[in-house]
Amino acid sequence: MSKNFNFRSEKVSSSSTASTSGSSSGNKKDVTKTSSMFKSTKPTENNSTTTTITYKDMPITFKKEDVEVISNSGIVLIKTFRNHPNLQQDLINYCLSALRGNEEGITGTEFPTDETTFQKCFLDIPFEQFNSKFADIICGAAMKVAKEHCKILQDYQDDFRIAQLCYYTNKGKLGWHRDRISGLTPEEQHLIVSPVVSMSLGNDSIFSYKLNTINETTGKLEYGTEAIDLQLKSGDILIFGATQRMFYHCVKRIIPSTNHHKLDMDGLSGRINITLREGTYYPENIGAPTANLF
C-alpha cells in the first residue's frame, strides 16, 4: 500500500457540508499560512437545537447539560451516552470481537493481562471498515452536536480515515503524545485541524492534556505546557480539533472498579478506547505496545 499522504487541512466554507467519509481531493497547505489557519475565539453563544437519534428503537437525546465545551478553541466532551448502557455494551462487544480478529477482514492482536509485560493493545482499521451504524452515531450525530456547541469546529472539514481500537488493563497507561500523521514534517503537523473523536468504554480513566495557544505576534501555534486532568467515564465522547487538534495528551491511569453499569467485558477488566481521525492506514499498525511510561 502506498504511504503517500493526501494532506487535508482546508477550511470549510459556510456553504460546504462536512463529510465523515474522507474526500480524495485536497492540496498541501503552505506552512507560511499558519496564521490564517487559526483564529481567536470568543465564548460560543449556544443557540443549538436538541438532537435526538434512535438506536434499536430507543430514542437518545443529546441534552444541553450533557455537552461540555472544554475549550472554545476546539475541545468538546459529550456525556450523553453515559446513561445508555445497551449502546455501550454493543460497542464493547464489537471492539472485543475486532481486537480478537473475529470481524470480517480484521486481523486480531494479542491481549494483555495483569501478568504480561505489556498492559495495552491496539489495532488500526480503515474508517470505511469500521461498523457503519456506530460511525453514524459517533462521527455523525455526536460531531453534529459538538459543532452546534463549539462553532470553531464548523470551520474545518471532518476527514475520518482510520479507526483505532485500544484495550487497556487496569494497569495500562499511555504517555504524552500528539495524534500525528505519518509522512508529514513538523511544520505540516502544525496545520492539521480535522477533528479527532475519542470514545471511552469500561472503567474510568484520567486523561491529561495541554492546551495549545496561538502566538498573538506571529500567529503561529504554540504547544501547551500546563497539564490539565479530565476524568473520562464509560460512554464519554471527547472531540478535539481546530487549534487543539495537535495538543499533547496522555492517559495517566485507569481507575479500577468504576465500570458503573457492570458492563460485560467478557472476562476482562479495564478500559476500551475508540479513536476515529484523519491519518494513513498501515496494515502493520497493530500490536501490543510495551511503552507505558511517561
C-alpha atoms as a PDB file:
ATOM      1  CA  MET A   1       0.000   0.000   0.000  1.00  0.00           C
ATOM      2  CA  SER A   2       1.324   3.421  -0.863  1.00  0.00           C
ATOM      3  CA  LYS A   3       2.302   5.607   2.050  1.00  0.00           C
ATOM      4  CA  ASN A   4       1.785   8.883   0.211  1.00  0.00           C
ATOM      5  CA  PHE A   5      -0.474  11.059   2.315  1.00  0.00           C
ATOM      6  CA  ASN A   6      -3.078  13.384   0.897  1.00  0.00           C
ATOM      7  CA  PHE A   7      -2.761  16.409   3.175  1.00  0.00           C
ATOM      8  CA  ARG A   8      -6.093  17.906   4.202  1.00  0.00           C
ATOM      9  CA  SER A   9      -6.454  20.981   6.355  1.00  0.00           C
ATOM     10  CA  GLU A  10      -8.790  23.070   4.259  1.00  0.00           C
ATOM     11  CA  LYS A  11     -11.268  25.398   5.887  1.00  0.00           C
ATOM     12  CA  VAL A  12     -14.885  24.673   5.106  1.00  0.00           C
ATOM     13  CA  SER A  13     -16.854  27.485   3.540  1.00  0.00           C
ATOM     14  CA  SER A  14     -20.202  28.356   5.038  1.00  0.00           C
ATOM     15  CA  SER A  15     -21.935  26.589   2.174  1.00  0.00           C
ATOM     16  CA  SER A  16     -19.918  23.373   2.473  1.00  0.00           C
ATOM     17  CA  THR A  17     -21.111  20.189   4.088  1.00  0.00           C
ATOM     18  CA  ALA A  18     -18.646  18.278   6.252  1.00  0.00           C
ATOM     19  CA  SER A  19     -18.167  14.631   5.385  1.00  0.00           C
ATOM     20  CA  THR A  20     -17.204  11.640   7.505  1.00  0.00           C
ATOM     21  CA  SER A  21     -16.013   9.620   4.552  1.00  0.00           C
ATOM     22  CA  GLY A  22     -12.814  11.477   3.613  1.00  0.00           C
ATOM     23  CA  SER A  23     -12.607  13.047   0.176  1.00  0.00           C
ATOM     24  CA  SER A  24      -9.705  12.229  -2.106  1.00  0.00           C
ATOM     25  CA  SER A  25      -9.227  15.855  -3.093  1.00  0.00           C
ATOM     26  CA  GLY A  26      -7.151  18.459  -1.277  1.00  0.00           C
ATOM     27  CA  ASN A  27      -3.823  20.201  -1.633  1.00  0.00           C
ATOM     28  CA  LYS A  28      -0.820  20.521   0.645  1.00  0.00           C
ATOM     29  CA  LYS A  29      -1.001  23.677   2.729  1.00  0.00           C
ATOM     30  CA  ASP A  30       1.743  26.276   2.504  1.00  0.00           C
ATOM     31  CA  VAL A  31       3.250  26.278   6.000  1.00  0.00           C
ATOM     32  CA  THR A  32       3.701  30.046   5.811  1.00  0.00           C
ATOM     33  CA  LYS A  33      -0.084  30.383   6.062  1.00  0.00           C
ATOM     34  CA  THR A  34      -0.326  29.152   9.628  1.00  0.00           C
ATOM     35  CA  SER A  35      -1.717  32.411  10.971  1.00  0.00           C
ATOM     36  CA  SER A  36      -4.643  32.268   8.553  1.00  0.00           C
ATOM     37  CA  MET A  37      -5.464  28.712   9.554  1.00  0.00           C
ATOM     38  CA  PHE A  38      -6.428  29.600  13.106  1.00  0.00           C
ATOM     39  CA  LYS A  39      -8.457  32.392  14.574  1.00  0.00           C
ATOM     40  CA  SER A  40      -9.040  33.673  18.080  1.00  0.00           C
ATOM     41  CA  THR A  41     -12.289  32.507  19.576  1.00  0.00           C
ATOM     42  CA  LYS A  42     -14.843  34.069  21.842  1.00  0.00           C
ATOM     43  CA  PRO A  43     -17.175  32.089  24.104  1.00  0.00           C
ATOM     44  CA  THR A  44     -19.732  30.309  21.972  1.00  0.00           C
ATOM     45  CA  GLU A  45     -23.288  31.550  22.066  1.00  0.00           C
ATOM     46  CA  ASN A  46     -25.270  28.349  22.401  1.00  0.00           C
ATOM     47  CA  ASN A  47     -28.222  28.578  20.052  1.00  0.00           C
ATOM     48  CA  SER A  48     -28.198  24.852  19.370  1.00  0.00           C
ATOM     49  CA  THR A  49     -31.328  22.819  18.910  1.00  0.00           C
ATOM     50  CA  THR A  50     -31.933  19.484  20.603  1.00  0.00           C
ATOM     51  CA  THR A  51     -30.771  16.471  18.611  1.00  0.00           C
ATOM     52  CA  THR A  52     -32.395  13.063  19.073  1.00  0.00           C
ATOM     53  CA  ILE A  53     -31.356   9.826  17.406  1.00  0.00           C
ATOM     54  CA  THR A  54     -32.804   6.332  17.601  1.00  0.00           C
ATOM     55  CA  TYR A  55     -30.785   3.240  18.443  1.00  0.00           C
ATOM     56  CA  LYS A  56     -32.586  -0.111  18.422  1.00  0.00           C
ATOM     57  CA  ASP A  57     -35.946   1.665  18.693  1.00  0.00           C
ATOM     58  CA  MET A  58     -34.662   3.600  21.718  1.00  0.00           C
ATOM     59  CA  PRO A  59     -34.508   7.416  21.482  1.00  0.00           C
ATOM     60  CA  ILE A  60     -31.262   9.049  22.589  1.00  0.00           C
ATOM     61  CA  THR A  61     -31.400  12.805  23.157  1.00  0.00           C
ATOM     62  CA  PHE A  62     -28.302  14.982  23.321  1.00  0.00           C
ATOM     63  CA  LYS A  63     -29.258  17.256  26.201  1.00  0.00           C
ATOM     64  CA  LYS A  64     -27.610  20.646  26.581  1.00  0.00           C
ATOM     65  CA  GLU A  65     -26.374  19.779  30.076  1.00  0.00           C
ATOM     66  CA  ASP A  66     -24.604  16.693  28.709  1.00  0.00           C
ATOM     67  CA  VAL A  67     -22.380  18.714  26.371  1.00  0.00           C
ATOM     68  CA  GLU A  68     -19.355  20.444  27.907  1.00  0.00           C
ATOM     69  CA  VAL A  69     -17.257  22.819  25.825  1.00  0.00           C
ATOM     70  CA  ILE A  70     -13.870  22.412  27.468  1.00  0.00           C
ATOM     71  CA  SER A  71     -12.254  24.937  25.148  1.00  0.00           C
ATOM     72  CA  ASN A  72     -13.870  27.206  22.576  1.00  0.00           C
ATOM     73  CA  SER A  73     -10.724  26.678  20.536  1.00  0.00           C
ATOM     74  CA  GLY A  74     -11.840  23.144  19.742  1.00  0.00           C
ATOM     75  CA  ILE A  75     -12.448  20.667  22.617  1.00  0.00           C
ATOM     76  CA  VAL A  76     -15.884  19.250  23.450  1.00  0.00           C
ATOM     77  CA  LEU A  77     -16.909  16.493  25.881  1.00  0.00           C
ATOM     78  CA  ILE A  78     -20.225  14.754  25.192  1.00  0.00           C
ATOM     79  CA  LYS A  79     -21.640  12.798  28.144  1.00  0.00           C
ATOM     80  CA  THR A  80     -24.933  11.744  26.549  1.00  0.00           C
ATOM     81  CA  PHE A  81     -24.100   8.046  26.295  1.00  0.00           C
ATOM     82  CA  ARG A  82     -23.167   7.598  29.963  1.00  0.00           C
ATOM     83  CA  ASN A  83     -26.749   6.580  30.670  1.00  0.00           C
ATOM     84  CA  HIS A  84     -27.154   4.281  27.678  1.00  0.00           C
ATOM     85  CA  PRO A  85     -25.518   1.012  28.759  1.00  0.00           C
ATOM     86  CA  ASN A  86     -27.097  -1.024  25.956  1.00  0.00           C
ATOM     87  CA  LEU A  87     -25.276   1.022  23.330  1.00  0.00           C
ATOM     88  CA  GLN A  88     -22.072   0.877  25.374  1.00  0.00           C
ATOM     89  CA  GLN A  89     -22.354  -2.901  25.635  1.00  0.00           C
ATOM     90  CA  ASP A  90     -22.830  -3.284  21.890  1.00  0.00           C
ATOM     91  CA  LEU A  91     -19.767  -1.120  21.270  1.00  0.00           C
ATOM     92  CA  ILE A  92     -17.720  -3.180  23.742  1.00  0.00           C
ATOM     93  CA  ASN A  93     -18.808  -6.419  22.086  1.00  0.00           C
ATOM     94  CA  TYR A  94     -17.845  -5.080  18.667  1.00  0.00           C
ATOM     95  CA  CYS A  95     -14.443  -3.776  19.806  1.00  0.00           C
ATOM     96  CA  LEU A  96     -13.501  -7.003  21.583  1.00  0.00           C
ATOM     97  CA  SER A  97     -14.582  -9.021  18.562  1.00  0.00           C
ATOM     98  CA  ALA A  98     -12.474  -6.845  16.253  1.00  0.00           C
ATOM     99  CA  LEU A  99      -9.448  -6.900  18.553  1.00  0.00           C
ATOM    100  CA  ARG A 100      -9.669 -10.705  18.615  1.00  0.00           C
ATOM    101  CA  GLY A 101      -9.872 -10.883  14.836  1.00  0.00           C
ATOM    102  CA  ASN A 102     -13.468 -12.089  14.714  1.00  0.00           C
ATOM    103  CA  GLU A 103     -14.745  -9.299  12.451  1.00  0.00           C
ATOM    104  CA  GLU A 104     -14.537  -9.840   8.702  1.00  0.00           C
ATOM    105  CA  GLY A 105     -11.303  -8.586   7.190  1.00  0.00           C
ATOM    106  CA  ILE A 106      -9.785  -7.564  10.540  1.00  0.00           C
ATOM    107  CA  THR A 107      -6.680  -9.209  11.967  1.00  0.00           C
ATOM    108  CA  GLY A 108      -6.716  -9.531  15.731  1.00  0.00           C
ATOM    109  CA  THR A 109      -3.980  -8.818  18.230  1.00  0.00           C
ATOM    110  CA  GLU A 110      -2.602 -10.295  21.433  1.00  0.00           C
ATOM    111  CA  PHE A 111      -4.400  -9.244  24.612  1.00  0.00           C
ATOM    112  CA  PRO A 112      -2.558  -8.174  27.761  1.00  0.00           C
ATOM    113  CA  THR A 113      -3.243  -9.484  31.245  1.00  0.00           C
ATOM    114  CA  ASP A 114      -2.082  -8.359  34.676  1.00  0.00           C
ATOM    115  CA  GLU A 115       0.840 -10.769  34.270  1.00  0.00           C
ATOM    116  CA  THR A 116       2.079  -9.700  30.811  1.00  0.00           C
ATOM    117  CA  THR A 117       4.877  -7.194  30.275  1.00  0.00           C
ATOM    118  CA  PHE A 118       2.500  -5.014  28.242  1.00  0.00           C
ATOM    119  CA  GLN A 119      -0.716  -3.517  29.611  1.00  0.00           C
ATOM    120  CA  LYS A 120      -2.500  -2.357  26.460  1.00  0.00           C
ATOM    121  CA  CYS A 121      -3.068  -3.492  22.902  1.00  0.00           C
ATOM    122  CA  PHE A 122      -4.397  -1.789  19.793  1.00  0.00           C
ATOM    123  CA  LEU A 123      -5.193  -2.124  16.125  1.00  0.00           C
ATOM    124  CA  ASP A 124      -5.936   0.300  13.301  1.00  0.00           C
ATOM    125  CA  ILE A 125      -8.617  -0.352  10.694  1.00  0.00           C
ATOM    126  CA  PRO A 126      -9.683   1.769   7.702  1.00  0.00           C
ATOM    127  CA  PHE A 127     -12.576   4.048   8.593  1.00  0.00           C
ATOM    128  CA  GLU A 128     -14.797   2.574   5.891  1.00  0.00           C
ATOM    129  CA  GLN A 129     -14.342  -0.847   7.515  1.00  0.00           C
ATOM    130  CA  PHE A 130     -15.448   0.397  10.938  1.00  0.00           C
ATOM    131  CA  ASN A 131     -19.025  -0.550  11.855  1.00  0.00           C
ATOM    132  CA  SER A 132     -21.175   1.926   9.919  1.00  0.00           C
ATOM    133  CA  LYS A 133     -24.010   2.216  12.434  1.00  0.00           C
ATOM    134  CA  PHE A 134     -21.556   3.136  15.172  1.00  0.00           C
ATOM    135  CA  ALA A 135     -19.768   5.557  12.840  1.00  0.00           C
ATOM    136  CA  ASP A 136     -23.081   7.297  12.160  1.00  0.00           C
ATOM    137  CA  ILE A 137     -23.563   7.814  15.902  1.00  0.00           C
ATOM    138  CA  ILE A 138     -20.018   8.718  16.933  1.00  0.00           C
ATOM    139  CA  CYS A 139     -18.830  10.640  13.868  1.00  0.00           C
ATOM    140  CA  GLY A 140     -22.222  11.752  12.610  1.00  0.00           C
ATOM    141  CA  ALA A 141     -24.645  12.668  15.380  1.00  0.00           C
ATOM    142  CA  ALA A 142     -22.049  13.415  18.069  1.00  0.00           C
ATOM    143  CA  MET A 143     -19.962  15.578  15.723  1.00  0.00           C
ATOM    144  CA  LYS A 144     -23.075  17.496  14.677  1.00  0.00           C
ATOM    145  CA  VAL A 145     -23.847  18.265  18.316  1.00  0.00           C
ATOM    146  CA  ALA A 146     -20.240  19.241  19.056  1.00  0.00           C
ATOM    147  CA  LYS A 147     -20.263  21.713  16.166  1.00  0.00           C
ATOM    148  CA  GLU A 148     -23.507  23.262  17.383  1.00  0.00           C
ATOM    149  CA  HIS A 149     -21.889  23.999  20.742  1.00  0.00           C
ATOM    150  CA  CYS A 150     -18.347  24.847  19.583  1.00  0.00           C
ATOM    151  CA  LYS A 151     -18.568  26.955  16.450  1.00  0.00           C
ATOM    152  CA  ILE A 152     -14.887  26.827  15.510  1.00  0.00           C
ATOM    153  CA  LEU A 153     -15.303  23.127  14.691  1.00  0.00           C
ATOM    154  CA  GLN A 154     -17.648  24.162  11.884  1.00  0.00           C
ATOM    155  CA  ASP A 155     -14.786  25.955  10.133  1.00  0.00           C
ATOM    156  CA  TYR A 156     -12.805  22.817   9.338  1.00  0.00           C
ATOM    157  CA  GLN A 157     -13.736  19.697   7.430  1.00  0.00           C
ATOM    158  CA  ASP A 158     -14.111  16.287   9.035  1.00  0.00           C
ATOM    159  CA  ASP A 159     -11.773  13.765   7.442  1.00  0.00           C
ATOM    160  CA  PHE A 160     -12.066  10.398   9.144  1.00  0.00           C
ATOM    161  CA  ARG A 161      -9.671   7.897   7.594  1.00  0.00           C
ATOM    162  CA  ILE A 162      -8.778   5.421  10.343  1.00  0.00           C
ATOM    163  CA  ALA A 163     -10.335   3.891  13.442  1.00  0.00           C
ATOM    164  CA  GLN A 164      -8.039   2.796  16.246  1.00  0.00           C
ATOM    165  CA  LEU A 165      -9.324   0.354  18.847  1.00  0.00           C
ATOM    166  CA  CYS A 166      -7.334   0.106  22.064  1.00  0.00           C
ATOM    167  CA  TYR A 167      -7.740  -2.008  25.189  1.00  0.00           C
ATOM    168  CA  TYR A 168      -6.079  -1.065  28.491  1.00  0.00           C
ATOM    169  CA  THR A 169      -5.840  -3.284  31.558  1.00  0.00           C
ATOM    170  CA  ASN A 170      -6.312  -1.559  34.905  1.00  0.00           C
ATOM    171  CA  LYS A 171      -2.533  -1.063  34.921  1.00  0.00           C
ATOM    172  CA  GLY A 172      -2.448   0.421  31.438  1.00  0.00           C
ATOM    173  CA  LYS A 173      -1.491   3.980  30.583  1.00  0.00           C
ATOM    174  CA  LEU A 174      -0.241   5.985  27.621  1.00  0.00           C
ATOM    175  CA  GLY A 175       2.475   8.621  27.702  1.00  0.00           C
ATOM    176  CA  TRP A 176       2.411  12.182  26.389  1.00  0.00           C
ATOM    177  CA  HIS A 177       1.917  12.312  22.633  1.00  0.00           C
ATOM    178  CA  ARG A 178       0.122  14.051  19.780  1.00  0.00           C
ATOM    179  CA  ASP A 179      -2.060  12.216  17.269  1.00  0.00           C
ATOM    180  CA  ARG A 180       0.408  12.808  14.475  1.00  0.00           C
ATOM    181  CA  ILE A 181       0.113  11.681  10.877  1.00  0.00           C
ATOM    182  CA  SER A 182       2.916   9.680   9.305  1.00  0.00           C
ATOM    183  CA  GLY A 183       4.877  11.276   6.499  1.00  0.00           C
ATOM    184  CA  LEU A 184       4.335  14.913   7.449  1.00  0.00           C
ATOM    185  CA  THR A 185       7.010  17.374   8.511  1.00  0.00           C
ATOM    186  CA  PRO A 186       6.753  19.086  11.921  1.00  0.00           C
ATOM    187  CA  GLU A 187       5.589  22.240  10.144  1.00  0.00           C
ATOM    188  CA  GLU A 188       2.846  20.314   8.369  1.00  0.00           C
ATOM    189  CA  GLN A 189       1.778  18.606  11.595  1.00  0.00           C
ATOM    190  CA  HIS A 190       1.068  22.091  12.966  1.00  0.00           C
ATOM    191  CA  LEU A 191      -1.550  22.594  10.281  1.00  0.00           C
ATOM    192  CA  ILE A 192      -3.686  19.522  10.915  1.00  0.00           C
ATOM    193  CA  VAL A 193      -7.087  20.725  12.114  1.00  0.00           C
ATOM    194  CA  SER A 194      -9.602  17.983  11.210  1.00  0.00           C
ATOM    195  CA  PRO A 195     -11.259  16.664  14.396  1.00  0.00           C
ATOM    196  CA  VAL A 196     -10.412  13.574  16.412  1.00  0.00           C
ATOM    197  CA  VAL A 197     -13.303  11.694  18.014  1.00  0.00           C
ATOM    198  CA  SER A 198     -12.434   9.511  21.007  1.00  0.00           C
ATOM    199  CA  MET A 199     -14.901   7.333  22.936  1.00  0.00           C
ATOM    200  CA  SER A 200     -14.286   5.666  26.311  1.00  0.00           C
ATOM    201  CA  LEU A 201     -15.831   2.383  27.458  1.00  0.00           C
ATOM    202  CA  GLY A 202     -15.448   0.369  30.665  1.00  0.00           C
ATOM    203  CA  ASN A 203     -13.550   1.735  33.647  1.00  0.00           C
ATOM    204  CA  ASP A 204     -12.925   5.457  34.098  1.00  0.00           C
ATOM    205  CA  SER A 205      -9.588   6.936  33.103  1.00  0.00           C
ATOM    206  CA  ILE A 206      -7.619  10.046  33.957  1.00  0.00           C
ATOM    207  CA  PHE A 207      -6.939  11.812  30.673  1.00  0.00           C
ATOM    208  CA  SER A 208      -4.477  14.690  30.828  1.00  0.00           C
ATOM    209  CA  TYR A 209      -3.929  17.358  28.173  1.00  0.00           C
ATOM    210  CA  LYS A 210      -2.063  20.611  27.491  1.00  0.00           C
ATOM    211  CA  LEU A 211      -3.941  23.409  25.737  1.00  0.00           C
ATOM    212  CA  ASN A 212      -2.334  24.916  22.660  1.00  0.00           C
ATOM    213  CA  THR A 213      -2.251  28.672  22.148  1.00  0.00           C
ATOM    214  CA  ILE A 214      -1.768  30.999  19.204  1.00  0.00           C
ATOM    215  CA  ASN A 215       1.087  33.486  19.499  1.00  0.00           C
ATOM    216  CA  GLU A 216      -0.560  36.906  19.108  1.00  0.00           C
ATOM    217  CA  THR A 217       2.546  38.362  17.470  1.00  0.00           C
ATOM    218  CA  THR A 218       3.448  35.633  14.978  1.00  0.00           C
ATOM    219  CA  GLY A 219       0.035  33.991  14.616  1.00  0.00           C
ATOM    220  CA  LYS A 220       1.704  30.601  14.973  1.00  0.00           C
ATOM    221  CA  LEU A 221       0.578  27.627  17.005  1.00  0.00           C
ATOM    222  CA  GLU A 222       2.424  27.037  20.278  1.00  0.00           C
ATOM    223  CA  TYR A 223       2.150  23.778  22.193  1.00  0.00           C
ATOM    224  CA  GLY A 224       0.878  23.952  25.756  1.00  0.00           C
ATOM    225  CA  THR A 225       2.952  23.260  28.860  1.00  0.00           C
ATOM    226  CA  GLU A 226       0.413  23.126  31.710  1.00  0.00           C
ATOM    227  CA  ALA A 227      -1.160  19.708  32.274  1.00  0.00           C
ATOM    228  CA  ILE A 228      -4.900  19.579  32.952  1.00  0.00           C
ATOM    229  CA  ASP A 229      -6.611  16.402  34.184  1.00  0.00           C
ATOM    230  CA  LEU A 230     -10.004  15.190  32.997  1.00  0.00           C
ATOM    231  CA  GLN A 231     -11.800  12.079  34.267  1.00  0.00           C
ATOM    232  CA  LEU A 232     -13.441  10.220  31.394  1.00  0.00           C
ATOM    233  CA  LYS A 233     -16.305   7.828  32.109  1.00  0.00           C
ATOM    234  CA  SER A 234     -17.751   4.988  30.095  1.00  0.00           C
ATOM    235  CA  GLY A 235     -19.783   6.383  27.215  1.00  0.00           C
ATOM    236  CA  ASP A 236     -17.952   9.720  27.090  1.00  0.00           C
ATOM    237  CA  ILE A 237     -17.015  11.117  23.693  1.00  0.00           C
ATOM    238  CA  LEU A 238     -14.137  13.603  23.607  1.00  0.00           C
ATOM    239  CA  ILE A 239     -13.754  15.635  20.419  1.00  0.00           C
ATOM    240  CA  PHE A 240     -10.760  17.845  19.670  1.00  0.00           C
ATOM    241  CA  GLY A 241      -9.916  19.738  16.511  1.00  0.00           C
ATOM    242  CA  ALA A 242      -9.037  23.170  15.091  1.00  0.00           C
ATOM    243  CA  THR A 243      -6.355  24.830  17.265  1.00  0.00           C
ATOM    244  CA  GLN A 244      -6.386  21.864  19.670  1.00  0.00           C
ATOM    245  CA  ARG A 245      -6.151  19.100  17.064  1.00  0.00           C
ATOM    246  CA  MET A 246      -2.454  18.544  17.774  1.00  0.00           C
ATOM    247  CA  PHE A 247      -2.440  19.152  21.520  1.00  0.00           C
ATOM    248  CA  TYR A 248      -0.339  16.949  23.777  1.00  0.00           C
ATOM    249  CA  HIS A 249      -2.330  14.420  25.792  1.00  0.00           C
ATOM    250  CA  CYS A 250      -1.921  11.184  27.707  1.00  0.00           C
ATOM    251  CA  VAL A 251      -3.811   8.530  29.647  1.00  0.00           C
ATOM    252  CA  LYS A 252      -2.402   8.793  33.169  1.00  0.00           C
ATOM    253  CA  ARG A 253      -4.178   5.812  34.643  1.00  0.00           C
ATOM    254  CA  ILE A 254      -7.231   3.596  34.647  1.00  0.00           C
ATOM    255  CA  ILE A 255      -9.434   3.656  37.754  1.00  0.00           C
ATOM    256  CA  PRO A 256     -10.434   0.092  38.747  1.00  0.00           C
ATOM    257  CA  SER A 257     -13.995  -0.812  39.750  1.00  0.00           C
ATOM    258  CA  THR A 258     -15.577   2.196  38.015  1.00  0.00           C
ATOM    259  CA  ASN A 259     -17.484   0.194  35.393  1.00  0.00           C
ATOM    260  CA  HIS A 260     -20.688   1.692  36.783  1.00  0.00           C
ATOM    261  CA  HIS A 261     -23.167  -0.215  34.618  1.00  0.00           C
ATOM    262  CA  LYS A 262     -21.350  -3.523  35.229  1.00  0.00           C
ATOM    263  CA  LEU A 263     -20.781  -3.817  31.504  1.00  0.00           C
ATOM    264  CA  ASP A 264     -19.724  -7.283  30.371  1.00  0.00           C
ATOM    265  CA  MET A 265     -16.157  -7.201  29.060  1.00  0.00           C
ATOM    266  CA  ASP A 266     -16.010 -10.956  28.553  1.00  0.00           C
ATOM    267  CA  GLY A 267     -13.770 -11.706  31.491  1.00  0.00           C
ATOM    268  CA  LEU A 268     -11.612  -8.615  31.092  1.00  0.00           C
ATOM    269  CA  SER A 269     -11.411  -5.503  33.235  1.00  0.00           C
ATOM    270  CA  GLY A 270     -10.052  -2.141  32.266  1.00  0.00           C
ATOM    271  CA  ARG A 271     -10.892   0.304  29.512  1.00  0.00           C
ATOM    272  CA  ILE A 272     -11.591   0.297  25.792  1.00  0.00           C
ATOM    273  CA  ASN A 273     -10.973   3.371  23.670  1.00  0.00           C
ATOM    274  CA  ILE A 274     -12.203   4.058  20.147  1.00  0.00           C
ATOM    275  CA  THR A 275     -10.409   6.829  18.241  1.00  0.00           C
ATOM    276  CA  LEU A 276     -11.523   7.978  14.799  1.00  0.00           C
ATOM    277  CA  ARG A 277      -9.436  10.514  12.920  1.00  0.00           C
ATOM    278  CA  GLU A 278      -7.555  11.599   9.842  1.00  0.00           C
ATOM    279  CA  GLY A 279      -4.497   9.516   9.103  1.00  0.00           C
ATOM    280  CA  THR A 280      -2.881   6.914   6.896  1.00  0.00           C
ATOM    281  CA  TYR A 281      -3.833   3.281   7.362  1.00  0.00           C
ATOM    282  CA  TYR A 282      -0.949   0.832   7.526  1.00  0.00           C
ATOM    283  CA  PRO A 283      -1.970  -2.847   7.859  1.00  0.00           C
ATOM    284  CA  GLU A 284       1.072  -3.477  10.056  1.00  0.00           C
ATOM    285  CA  ASN A 285      -0.040  -0.853  12.598  1.00  0.00           C
ATOM    286  CA  ILE A 286      -1.253  -3.397  15.085  1.00  0.00           C
ATOM    287  CA  GLY A 287       0.166  -4.854  18.231  1.00  0.00           C
ATOM    288  CA  ALA A 288       0.774  -4.935  21.911  1.00  0.00           C
ATOM    289  CA  PRO A 289       2.942  -1.934  22.811  1.00  0.00           C
ATOM    290  CA  THR A 290       5.136  -2.129  25.885  1.00  0.00           C
ATOM    291  CA  ALA A 291       5.751   1.601  26.397  1.00  0.00           C
ATOM    292  CA  ASN A 292       3.557   2.543  29.353  1.00  0.00           C
ATOM    293  CA  LEU A 293       5.908   5.093  30.887  1.00  0.00           C
ATOM    294  CA  PHE A 294       5.518   8.858  30.615  1.00  0.00           C
END
